[in-house]
Protein backbone atom coordinates (compact mmCIF):
# COMPACT_ATOMS: atom_id res chain seq x y z
CA MET A 1 218.49 177.83 195.95
CA GLU A 2 221.15 180.43 196.05
CA PRO A 3 221.67 182.25 199.51
CA LEU A 4 221.45 186.04 199.29
CA GLY A 5 225.03 187.45 200.06
CA SER A 6 228.48 186.84 198.71
CA SER A 7 228.93 185.69 195.19
CA SER A 8 231.23 182.77 196.14
CA ALA A 9 228.73 181.06 198.57
CA PRO A 10 226.02 180.03 195.97
CA ALA A 11 228.61 177.90 193.93
CA GLN A 12 229.87 176.21 196.93
CA GLY A 13 226.35 175.49 198.40
CA LYS A 14 225.02 174.20 195.12
CA LYS A 15 227.82 171.92 194.61
CA ILE A 16 227.48 170.41 198.06
CA THR A 17 223.78 169.98 197.44
CA ILE A 18 224.38 168.26 194.20
CA ASN A 19 226.95 165.89 195.76
CA ALA A 20 224.93 164.95 198.72
CA SER A 21 221.94 164.11 196.46
CA THR A 22 224.09 162.18 193.93
CA LEU A 23 225.73 160.32 196.88
CA SER A 24 222.31 159.37 198.47
CA LEU A 25 221.04 158.16 195.11
CA ALA A 26 224.15 156.10 194.45
CA VAL A 27 223.82 154.51 197.92
CA MET A 28 220.23 153.65 197.20
CA VAL A 29 221.07 152.16 193.86
CA THR A 30 223.97 150.11 195.40
CA VAL A 31 221.62 148.81 198.06
CA PHE A 32 219.10 147.97 195.43
CA LEU A 33 221.61 146.14 193.09
CA VAL A 34 223.11 144.33 196.12
CA ALA A 35 219.65 143.12 197.17
CA VAL A 36 218.85 141.94 193.64
CA VAL A 37 222.16 140.07 193.45
CA PHE A 38 221.70 138.41 196.74
CA ALA A 39 218.10 137.58 196.20
CA ALA A 40 218.92 136.03 192.69
CA ASN A 41 221.73 133.90 194.28
CA GLN A 42 219.72 132.61 197.19
CA ASN A 43 216.31 132.52 195.18
CA ASP A 44 214.16 132.67 198.26
CA VAL A 45 211.12 134.80 199.08
CA ILE A 46 212.77 136.90 201.84
CA GLY A 47 215.39 138.05 199.40
CA TRP A 48 213.08 139.16 196.91
CA PHE A 49 210.95 140.84 199.71
CA VAL A 50 214.27 142.92 200.50
CA VAL A 51 214.60 143.67 196.85
CA VAL A 52 211.03 145.25 196.81
CA ILE A 53 211.72 147.09 199.96
CA SER A 54 215.01 148.59 198.66
CA LEU A 55 213.23 149.51 195.29
CA GLY A 56 210.64 151.41 197.26
CA TRP A 57 213.37 153.23 199.06
CA LEU A 58 215.23 153.99 195.94
CA LEU A 59 212.00 155.31 194.30
CA LEU A 60 211.26 157.41 197.34
CA SER A 61 214.74 158.81 197.37
CA ALA A 62 214.69 159.59 193.70
CA PHE A 63 211.35 161.25 194.06
CA LEU A 64 212.54 163.38 196.93
CA VAL A 65 215.87 164.44 195.35
CA PHE A 66 214.37 165.36 191.94
CA GLY A 67 211.31 166.80 193.46
CA LEU A 68 213.40 169.00 195.94
CA LYS A 69 215.70 170.13 193.01
CA ARG A 70 212.69 171.16 190.87
CA GLY A 71 211.32 173.07 193.70
CA ALA A 72 214.38 174.81 194.61
CA ARG A 73 214.81 175.70 190.91
CA LYS A 74 211.19 177.27 190.75
CA MET A 75 211.70 179.08 194.11
CA SER A 76 215.07 180.55 192.78
CA GLU A 77 213.36 181.79 189.60
CA GLN A 78 210.58 183.39 191.62
CA LEU A 79 213.03 185.09 193.96
CA LYS A 80 214.94 186.34 191.03
CA ALA A 81 211.70 187.66 189.33
CA ALA A 82 210.67 189.38 192.50
CA THR A 83 214.02 190.94 192.98
CA ALA A 84 214.06 192.20 189.52
CA ALA A 85 210.67 193.60 189.80
CA ALA A 86 211.45 195.35 193.21
CA ALA A 87 214.71 196.71 191.57
CA SER A 88 212.83 198.08 188.56
CA ARG A 89 210.35 199.80 190.78
CA GLY A 90 213.32 201.52 192.63
CA ASN A 91 215.05 202.56 189.41
CA GLY A 92 212.48 205.15 188.15
CA SER A 93 210.70 202.81 185.69
CA GLN A 94 207.62 203.26 187.83
CA PRO A 95 207.10 206.34 189.97
CA ALA A 96 207.40 205.74 193.51
CA PRO A 97 204.69 206.70 196.06
CA VAL A 98 205.17 209.97 197.46
CA VAL A 99 204.08 210.77 200.97
CA ILE A 100 202.85 214.46 201.52
CA ASP A 101 202.04 215.78 204.91
CA GLU A 102 198.83 217.46 205.60
CA GLY A 103 200.41 220.85 205.90
CA THR A 104 201.90 220.66 202.41
CA ARG A 105 198.66 219.41 200.92
CA ASN A 106 196.66 222.25 202.53
CA ARG A 107 199.25 224.84 201.26
CA ASP A 108 199.14 223.25 197.76
CA LEU A 109 195.30 223.68 197.74
CA LYS A 110 195.39 227.28 198.87
CA LEU A 111 198.01 228.02 196.23
CA ASP A 112 195.80 226.43 193.60
CA HIS A 113 192.90 228.37 194.74
CA SER A 114 195.03 231.57 194.62
CA PHE A 115 196.10 230.92 191.04
CA LYS A 116 192.49 230.20 190.08
CA ILE A 117 191.56 233.70 191.54
CA ILE A 118 194.34 235.20 189.52
CA GLN A 119 193.00 233.54 186.33
CA VAL A 120 189.53 234.68 186.90
CA GLN A 121 190.73 238.32 187.64
CA THR A 122 192.83 238.31 184.42
CA LYS A 123 189.78 237.33 182.47
CA VAL A 124 187.97 240.37 184.16
CA VAL A 125 190.76 242.63 183.08
CA ASN A 126 190.77 241.39 179.56
CA ASP A 127 186.94 241.84 179.32
CA TYR A 128 186.91 245.45 180.78
CA ARG A 129 190.12 246.70 179.33
CA GLY A 130 188.87 247.69 175.82
CA GLN A 131 185.60 249.39 177.22
CA ALA A 132 185.32 253.06 178.03
CA GLY A 133 183.67 254.46 181.15
CA GLU A 134 184.22 254.65 184.83
CA GLU A 135 182.39 251.29 185.59
CA ALA A 136 184.93 249.38 183.31
CA ALA A 137 188.01 251.21 184.83
CA GLY A 138 186.76 250.46 188.34
CA MET A 139 186.40 246.84 187.41
CA VAL A 140 189.88 246.71 186.02
CA ASP A 141 191.34 248.54 189.08
CA ARG A 142 189.57 246.21 191.53
CA ALA A 143 190.61 243.04 189.46
CA LEU A 144 194.24 244.43 189.47
CA GLU A 145 194.09 245.07 193.15
CA THR A 146 192.59 241.50 193.78
CA ILE A 147 195.53 240.00 191.65
CA GLU A 148 198.13 241.85 193.65
CA ILE A 149 196.70 240.93 197.10
CA THR A 150 196.32 237.26 196.00
CA ALA A 151 199.85 237.07 194.51
CA ALA A 152 201.23 238.64 197.93
CA ASN A 153 199.27 236.10 199.93
CA ALA A 154 200.53 233.19 197.69
CA ARG A 155 204.09 234.32 197.99
CA ASP A 156 203.63 234.50 201.70
CA MET A 157 202.44 230.94 201.79
CA MET A 158 205.69 229.93 199.81
CA LYS A 159 208.02 231.86 202.14
CA PRO A 160 209.73 229.82 204.99
CA ALA A 161 208.35 230.19 208.49
CA ASN A 162 211.92 230.56 209.86
CA ASN A 163 212.34 234.31 209.00
CA GLY A 164 214.29 234.50 205.97
CA GLU A 165 216.56 231.34 206.57
CA PRO A 166 216.87 229.00 203.67
CA MET A 167 214.37 226.26 203.43
CA THR A 168 215.58 222.74 204.09
CA GLY A 169 213.88 219.44 203.28
CA GLU A 170 213.73 216.76 200.55
CA VAL A 171 212.87 217.79 197.07
CA ILE A 172 210.11 215.47 195.48
CA ASP A 173 209.79 215.36 191.78
């Protein structure tokens, strides 16, 4: 497994790990071969008993070395996949969650309501614009007045509360 950090450290760490595991397996193979040679020369039960014990240690050592290497390789792949997934989320391929405070949410709802009022009043103006009579003219005048008041209120909501100084903050797309 490669440590997170400098680029030169992973190669050195991996080389030491491979050398240590290779050395431990070489020692175990040597112990096994020496035990086999002595057991064959002496041809007694205790010699072959030592061979069986050294074979068991050799198999255990091989199992641990190869199992740990395989596990380390899988963990490295999972870490790389998780890092790539986290990086792709941060690069804009998926939109990042946006935290909006309660004041901004309420202001946006009020602005949305104001725009809906303006849309309704525009429909009223369009409905009564072509008609003759005082009732139609009164409806158009009231609708235009409502549009003017609503637009003024909406603009006041958008103005900063700091008396004409420029707004500061983070722009959220």
